[in-house]
Amino acid sequence: MKKYQFKKLLLSSLIALQLANNVEGNNSISNVYAQTENEDLISLDEDGKILQLVGIRIGDYESITFGYIYRKDSNVYLKDAIKGRIYNITNLDQNYIPIKLIYTEAENVLSDELKSKSRLTKEELEETAEKISIISITTYQPYVSQFEEGKVPFVYQTFESKEFDNSCLPITNDGLFSGLGLPLTDDYDETKQDVDTSNKYTLGIYQNTGVYSYYSNIYATDSVGESDKMGIIICYYIFDENNTRIATLRTQEQIDTFIELNAENIDKYTWKAAFYNGTDIKQILENIDSNIPVSLNKTTYFIYNSNNKTKTLSIN
C-alpha cells in the first residue's frame, strides 16, 4: 500500500470515530462538492479563454498553477484549472492585499507530447507546474532627457525550468510586458457565466460577496457587528443539528476525506471556519498548500455557513 493511501486510511478512521455519535437532522448546507481525481479534462482553449501558466504573488508568498485569465463586468478573474476555484483578482487587489499575476500561454512551457493533446489531466498540469519556479530578471531600459541619456535597471518576474529556455519567453506581469493584455480570443463572450466547480469547503483565500455579520464566538446566535474584510480560511469546525461540534478539520486533506466519507449526509452539518485577515500570510498559505495545520492562534474571525449565506464571527 502506498504511503499516501495508508495515511489517508488512518485519517478516514480518525474522522469516522469523531462521527460515531452523529445524530441525523435537518440543516441547509448545499452545493457541496467532494474532490475527485481526473473528474475533468482541461482544454488549452475554453470558451475563448486561453490556458495560461500563472504565477501568483501575494506579498512574499508565491504559487504556480495553470488557469484562465479573463474579464467580466470590468473585473479580472482567474479560474484555476487545477483546483477549479475562481478568484476575482480585481476585488482581491482592492479589498485585501496586492496580488501580482505573472503569466504566459501554456503552450510556451508544455512539452511537445502535452501540446499534441487536445485536453490535459490535472495531474499532467500539476507535474509540469512543479518543475517551474518564478525568478526575477534585471534588464536595462534606455532613457533620454534634455541633459543626458543612458540606461536604467528594470526588474521583472518570469518563469524558469530545465524544460524550456526562458530567454525569449513572452510573459505578462505589471511591468515590462503589461502591454500584452488579457489572453483572450475572438470567441470569448464576456456575458457568459463561468461556473466554479471546486470543492466549496476549501482552505486558503476567501472572497466574500459583500457585507456580512460577525459574532462574539462560534456558538453565538446574535451578531455584534458587520464587516466586509477578506482573508484566509485556516480551519473548519463541523456542527450537527444540535449545534454540537463533531469534527475539527485543519488541512485540506482532512476536509476532502470528511466530505468523501459523508457525501450523502453532508448537508445536515453546519460549517464554521477560523478566518485570518492580517497581512502576515506567507507561512499560512504555504502551510495550507503543504497540508500542514495552521496555528489557531492566527484566528481573527470565524465564518459561519448556513443556508448558503456566510456570516463572520469575531473573537477579538
Protein backbone atom coordinates (compact mmCIF):
# COMPACT_ATOMS: atom_id res chain seq x y z
CA MET A 1 0.00 0.00 0.00
CA LYS A 2 1.36 3.42 -0.89
CA LYS A 3 2.34 5.74 1.95
CA TYR A 4 -0.30 8.31 0.93
CA GLN A 5 -3.04 5.68 0.81
CA PHE A 6 -2.08 4.40 4.27
CA LYS A 7 -2.07 7.95 5.63
CA LYS A 8 -5.50 8.59 4.12
CA LEU A 9 -6.82 5.33 5.62
CA LEU A 10 -5.67 6.39 9.09
CA LEU A 11 -7.20 9.82 8.61
CA SER A 12 -10.50 8.27 7.48
CA SER A 13 -10.56 6.07 10.58
CA LEU A 14 -9.98 9.00 12.92
CA ILE A 15 -12.74 11.06 11.34
CA ALA A 16 -15.09 8.07 11.43
CA LEU A 17 -14.50 7.85 15.19
CA GLN A 18 -15.30 11.55 15.54
CA LEU A 19 -18.62 10.94 13.79
CA ALA A 20 -19.64 7.90 15.82
CA ASN A 21 -22.21 9.87 17.80
CA ASN A 22 -23.66 11.87 14.89
CA VAL A 23 -27.43 12.48 15.00
CA GLU A 24 -29.41 12.87 11.80
CA GLY A 25 -31.18 16.18 11.41
CA ASN A 26 -32.22 18.93 9.04
CA ASN A 27 -29.83 21.68 8.10
CA SER A 28 -29.44 23.60 4.92
CA ILE A 29 -25.89 23.48 3.61
CA SER A 30 -25.96 22.75 -0.11
CA ASN A 31 -23.73 22.78 -3.17
CA VAL A 32 -21.04 20.60 -1.60
CA TYR A 33 -18.56 19.01 -3.96
CA ALA A 34 -16.11 16.31 -2.98
CA GLN A 35 -12.67 16.45 -4.54
CA THR A 36 -12.26 13.79 -7.19
CA GLU A 37 -9.30 12.87 -9.33
CA ASN A 38 -9.44 13.26 -13.11
CA GLU A 39 -13.03 14.46 -12.95
CA ASP A 40 -12.45 16.94 -15.76
CA LEU A 41 -10.02 17.17 -18.63
CA ILE A 42 -8.56 20.62 -19.23
CA SER A 43 -8.59 22.29 -22.63
CA LEU A 44 -5.96 24.66 -24.00
CA ASP A 45 -8.82 26.93 -25.09
CA GLU A 46 -12.01 27.14 -23.02
CA ASP A 47 -14.80 29.34 -24.40
CA GLY A 48 -12.32 31.82 -25.84
CA LYS A 49 -10.06 31.80 -22.76
CA ILE A 50 -6.53 30.56 -23.44
CA LEU A 51 -4.91 28.28 -20.85
CA GLN A 52 -2.03 30.06 -19.10
CA LEU A 53 0.81 29.14 -16.80
CA VAL A 54 0.12 31.52 -13.92
CA GLY A 55 2.40 32.69 -11.14
CA ILE A 56 0.57 34.23 -8.18
CA ARG A 57 2.48 36.54 -5.86
CA ILE A 58 0.86 37.84 -2.66
CA GLY A 59 3.47 39.64 -0.60
CA ASP A 60 6.27 37.11 -0.09
CA TYR A 61 4.03 34.16 -0.96
CA GLU A 62 4.30 32.55 -4.40
CA SER A 63 2.29 29.84 -6.12
CA ILE A 64 2.32 28.45 -9.65
CA THR A 65 -0.68 26.89 -11.37
CA PHE A 66 -2.41 26.69 -14.74
CA GLY A 67 -5.56 28.66 -15.37
CA TYR A 68 -7.64 31.05 -17.45
CA ILE A 69 -7.47 34.83 -17.03
CA TYR A 70 -10.42 36.82 -18.32
CA ARG A 71 -12.54 39.92 -17.86
CA LYS A 72 -16.18 40.18 -16.83
CA ASP A 73 -18.13 43.22 -15.59
CA SER A 74 -14.98 45.38 -15.55
CA ASN A 75 -13.18 42.89 -13.28
CA VAL A 76 -10.32 40.50 -13.99
CA TYR A 77 -10.82 36.88 -12.95
CA LEU A 78 -8.53 33.89 -12.60
CA LYS A 79 -10.00 30.41 -12.94
CA ASP A 80 -7.56 27.89 -11.51
CA ALA A 81 -7.74 24.97 -13.95
CA ILE A 82 -6.24 22.53 -11.45
CA LYS A 83 -8.33 23.36 -8.38
CA GLY A 84 -11.36 24.72 -10.21
CA ARG A 85 -11.57 27.81 -7.97
CA ILE A 86 -12.40 31.21 -9.44
CA TYR A 87 -10.84 34.36 -7.98
CA ASN A 88 -11.90 37.95 -8.63
CA ILE A 89 -8.39 39.39 -8.83
CA THR A 90 -9.62 42.98 -9.08
CA ASN A 91 -11.72 42.55 -5.94
CA LEU A 92 -8.91 40.89 -4.02
CA ASP A 93 -6.43 43.55 -5.04
CA GLN A 94 -8.71 46.38 -3.96
CA ASN A 95 -10.12 44.92 -0.77
CA TYR A 96 -7.46 42.76 0.75
CA ILE A 97 -3.78 42.76 -0.24
CA PRO A 98 -2.00 43.49 -3.53
CA ILE A 99 -1.80 40.50 -5.86
CA LYS A 100 0.53 40.17 -8.83
CA LEU A 101 -0.01 37.72 -11.68
CA ILE A 102 2.82 36.55 -13.92
CA TYR A 103 1.58 34.50 -16.85
CA THR A 104 2.36 33.06 -20.25
CA GLU A 105 0.40 30.81 -22.60
CA ALA A 106 0.57 27.18 -21.52
CA GLU A 107 1.82 26.13 -24.94
CA ASN A 108 5.01 28.11 -24.28
CA VAL A 109 6.01 25.77 -21.45
CA LEU A 110 4.32 22.45 -22.19
CA SER A 111 6.28 19.55 -23.68
CA ASP A 112 5.67 18.61 -27.31
CA GLU A 113 3.85 15.49 -26.11
CA LEU A 114 1.40 17.50 -23.99
CA LYS A 115 0.91 20.18 -26.65
CA SER A 116 -0.16 17.49 -29.10
CA LYS A 117 -3.12 16.59 -26.87
CA SER A 118 -6.41 18.45 -27.19
CA ARG A 119 -7.15 18.03 -23.47
CA LEU A 120 -4.92 17.50 -20.43
CA THR A 121 -5.40 15.95 -17.00
CA LYS A 122 -4.95 17.85 -13.76
CA GLU A 123 -2.10 15.51 -12.85
CA GLU A 124 -0.23 16.36 -16.07
CA LEU A 125 -0.55 20.08 -15.34
CA GLU A 126 0.45 19.65 -11.69
CA GLU A 127 3.57 17.69 -12.67
CA THR A 128 4.53 20.42 -15.13
CA ALA A 129 3.93 23.26 -12.65
CA GLU A 130 6.07 21.53 -10.00
CA LYS A 131 9.10 21.78 -12.31
CA ILE A 132 8.77 25.56 -12.74
CA SER A 133 9.79 28.44 -10.48
CA ILE A 134 9.41 32.22 -10.52
CA ILE A 135 12.60 34.24 -10.87
CA SER A 136 13.42 37.93 -11.11
CA ILE A 137 15.42 39.30 -14.01
CA THR A 138 17.06 42.69 -14.29
CA THR A 139 17.16 44.38 -17.67
CA TYR A 140 18.30 47.86 -18.60
CA GLN A 141 15.97 50.27 -20.35
CA PRO A 142 17.26 53.26 -22.32
CA TYR A 143 16.19 56.74 -21.29
CA VAL A 144 16.79 60.14 -22.81
CA SER A 145 16.45 63.52 -21.11
CA GLN A 146 17.39 67.02 -22.23
CA PHE A 147 20.60 66.72 -20.25
CA GLU A 148 21.74 63.13 -20.77
CA GLU A 149 20.90 59.65 -21.98
CA GLY A 150 21.66 56.24 -20.62
CA LYS A 151 20.08 53.09 -19.23
CA VAL A 152 18.20 52.39 -16.02
CA PRO A 153 17.71 48.96 -14.37
CA PHE A 154 14.28 47.38 -14.56
CA VAL A 155 13.34 44.25 -12.60
CA TYR A 156 10.54 41.92 -13.70
CA GLN A 157 9.46 38.35 -12.97
CA THR A 158 9.41 35.38 -15.32
CA PHE A 159 9.43 31.57 -15.18
CA GLU A 160 12.40 29.22 -15.09
CA SER A 161 12.63 25.49 -15.74
CA LYS A 162 15.02 22.93 -17.17
CA GLU A 163 12.25 22.02 -19.59
CA PHE A 164 12.37 25.27 -21.59
CA ASP A 165 14.53 28.28 -22.42
CA ASN A 166 13.08 31.39 -20.82
CA SER A 167 15.34 33.88 -22.60
CA CYS A 168 12.58 34.70 -25.07
CA LEU A 169 9.58 33.59 -23.03
CA PRO A 170 6.70 36.03 -23.62
CA ILE A 171 5.41 36.72 -20.12
CA THR A 172 2.97 39.27 -18.76
CA ASN A 173 3.08 40.99 -15.39
CA ASP A 174 2.61 44.53 -14.15
CA GLY A 175 5.95 45.58 -15.50
CA LEU A 176 7.80 45.26 -18.76
CA PHE A 177 5.29 43.19 -20.72
CA SER A 178 2.00 44.51 -19.35
CA GLY A 179 1.02 45.79 -22.79
CA LEU A 180 0.26 42.25 -23.98
CA GLY A 181 -3.17 42.45 -22.34
CA LEU A 182 -5.57 39.67 -21.37
CA PRO A 183 -5.09 36.33 -23.15
CA LEU A 184 -8.47 36.04 -24.92
CA THR A 185 -9.58 35.04 -28.40
CA ASP A 186 -12.25 36.49 -30.68
CA ASP A 187 -14.57 33.73 -29.48
CA TYR A 188 -14.59 34.98 -25.89
CA ASP A 189 -18.03 36.04 -24.63
CA GLU A 190 -17.84 38.27 -21.57
CA THR A 191 -21.53 37.78 -20.80
CA LYS A 192 -21.20 34.00 -20.43
CA GLN A 193 -21.34 32.85 -16.81
CA ASP A 194 -18.34 30.83 -15.61
CA VAL A 195 -19.05 28.08 -13.06
CA ASP A 196 -16.90 27.39 -10.00
CA THR A 197 -16.70 23.59 -9.85
CA SER A 198 -14.27 23.37 -6.95
CA ASN A 199 -14.95 21.95 -3.53
CA LYS A 200 -16.95 24.67 -1.73
CA TYR A 201 -15.14 23.91 1.53
CA THR A 202 -11.53 24.81 0.91
CA LEU A 203 -8.81 26.36 3.00
CA GLY A 204 -6.98 29.40 1.65
CA ILE A 205 -8.01 32.77 0.24
CA TYR A 206 -11.67 33.52 0.84
CA GLN A 207 -13.67 36.07 -1.11
CA ASN A 208 -16.85 37.38 0.44
CA THR A 209 -19.60 38.78 -1.76
CA GLY A 210 -20.44 41.80 0.39
CA VAL A 211 -21.04 42.90 3.97
CA TYR A 212 -21.54 40.07 6.45
CA SER A 213 -22.44 39.84 10.14
CA TYR A 214 -19.94 38.73 12.77
CA TYR A 215 -20.43 37.14 16.16
CA SER A 216 -18.71 37.03 19.54
CA ASN A 217 -17.92 33.27 19.30
CA ILE A 218 -18.77 30.21 17.24
CA TYR A 219 -21.77 29.34 19.42
CA ALA A 220 -23.37 32.80 19.43
CA THR A 221 -26.67 33.39 17.61
CA ASP A 222 -26.82 37.19 17.88
CA SER A 223 -24.43 39.25 15.75
CA VAL A 224 -22.38 42.05 17.26
CA GLY A 225 -21.44 43.89 14.09
CA GLU A 226 -20.72 43.75 10.36
CA SER A 227 -17.62 43.67 8.17
CA ASP A 228 -16.60 43.29 4.53
CA LYS A 229 -12.97 42.25 5.04
CA MET A 230 -11.42 39.46 3.00
CA GLY A 231 -8.98 36.94 4.36
CA ILE A 232 -7.87 33.32 4.62
CA ILE A 233 -9.78 30.31 5.95
CA ILE A 234 -7.40 28.30 8.14
CA CYS A 235 -9.68 25.69 9.76
CA TYR A 236 -13.22 24.30 9.61
CA TYR A 237 -15.41 23.25 12.54
CA ILE A 238 -18.33 20.92 11.79
CA PHE A 239 -21.52 21.07 13.88
CA ASP A 240 -24.51 18.73 13.88
CA GLU A 241 -28.18 19.74 14.12
CA ASN A 242 -27.87 20.09 17.91
CA ASN A 243 -25.05 22.60 17.48
CA THR A 244 -22.57 20.04 18.83
CA ARG A 245 -19.13 20.19 17.31
CA ILE A 246 -18.38 16.81 15.74
CA ALA A 247 -15.18 17.48 13.79
CA THR A 248 -12.30 19.93 13.50
CA LEU A 249 -10.64 19.92 10.08
CA ARG A 250 -7.31 21.72 9.83
CA THR A 251 -5.93 20.58 6.48
CA GLN A 252 -7.46 20.30 3.02
CA GLU A 253 -6.73 16.58 3.05
CA GLN A 254 -8.87 16.21 6.19
CA ILE A 255 -11.68 18.26 4.63
CA ASP A 256 -11.70 16.24 1.40
CA THR A 257 -11.71 12.97 3.34
CA PHE A 258 -14.55 14.15 5.59
CA ILE A 259 -16.66 15.08 2.57
CA GLU A 260 -15.85 11.80 0.84
CA LEU A 261 -16.94 9.80 3.90
CA ASN A 262 -20.11 11.83 4.43
CA ALA A 263 -21.14 12.74 0.90
CA GLU A 264 -24.74 11.59 1.36
CA ASN A 265 -25.26 13.37 4.68
CA ILE A 266 -23.01 16.41 4.30
CA ASP A 267 -25.88 18.90 4.03
CA LYS A 268 -27.04 18.00 7.54
CA TYR A 269 -23.99 19.70 9.05
CA THR A 270 -23.16 23.34 9.72
CA TRP A 271 -19.68 24.52 8.78
CA LYS A 272 -17.87 27.27 10.68
CA ALA A 273 -14.34 28.33 9.82
CA ALA A 274 -11.44 30.06 11.52
CA PHE A 275 -10.65 33.16 9.49
CA TYR A 276 -7.45 35.24 9.28
CA ASN A 277 -7.38 38.72 7.74
CA GLY A 278 -3.93 40.08 8.56
CA THR A 279 -1.03 40.68 6.21
CA ASP A 280 1.37 38.02 7.54
CA ILE A 281 0.19 35.40 5.05
CA LYS A 282 3.27 33.71 3.54
CA GLN A 283 3.65 30.91 6.11
CA ILE A 284 -0.13 30.46 6.41
CA LEU A 285 -0.66 29.86 2.69
CA GLU A 286 2.47 27.71 2.42
CA ASN A 287 1.21 25.53 5.29
CA ILE A 288 -2.18 25.17 3.59
CA ASP A 289 -0.50 24.21 0.30
CA SER A 290 1.57 21.58 2.15
CA ASN A 291 -1.32 20.18 4.26
CA ILE A 292 0.29 21.44 7.47
CA PRO A 293 -2.18 22.73 10.12
CA VAL A 294 -2.05 26.49 10.67
CA SER A 295 -1.81 27.62 14.29
CA LEU A 296 -5.28 28.51 15.54
CA ASN A 297 -3.68 31.42 17.39
CA LYS A 298 -3.76 33.15 13.99
CA THR A 299 -7.57 33.23 14.02
CA THR A 300 -9.22 36.64 13.80
CA TYR A 301 -12.74 35.59 12.77
CA PHE A 302 -14.96 32.59 12.23
CA ILE A 303 -17.08 32.09 9.13
CA TYR A 304 -20.48 30.51 9.74
CA ASN A 305 -22.10 28.85 6.72
CA SER A 306 -25.86 28.40 6.92
CA ASN A 307 -28.48 28.37 4.14
CA ASN A 308 -25.60 29.13 1.74
CA LYS A 309 -25.11 32.50 3.45
CA THR A 310 -21.81 33.44 5.02
CA LYS A 311 -21.56 35.11 8.40
CA THR A 312 -18.43 36.05 10.30
CA LEU A 313 -17.82 35.55 14.00
CA SER A 314 -15.25 37.73 15.75
CA ILE A 315 -13.09 36.52 18.62
CA ASN A 316 -11.31 39.83 19.18
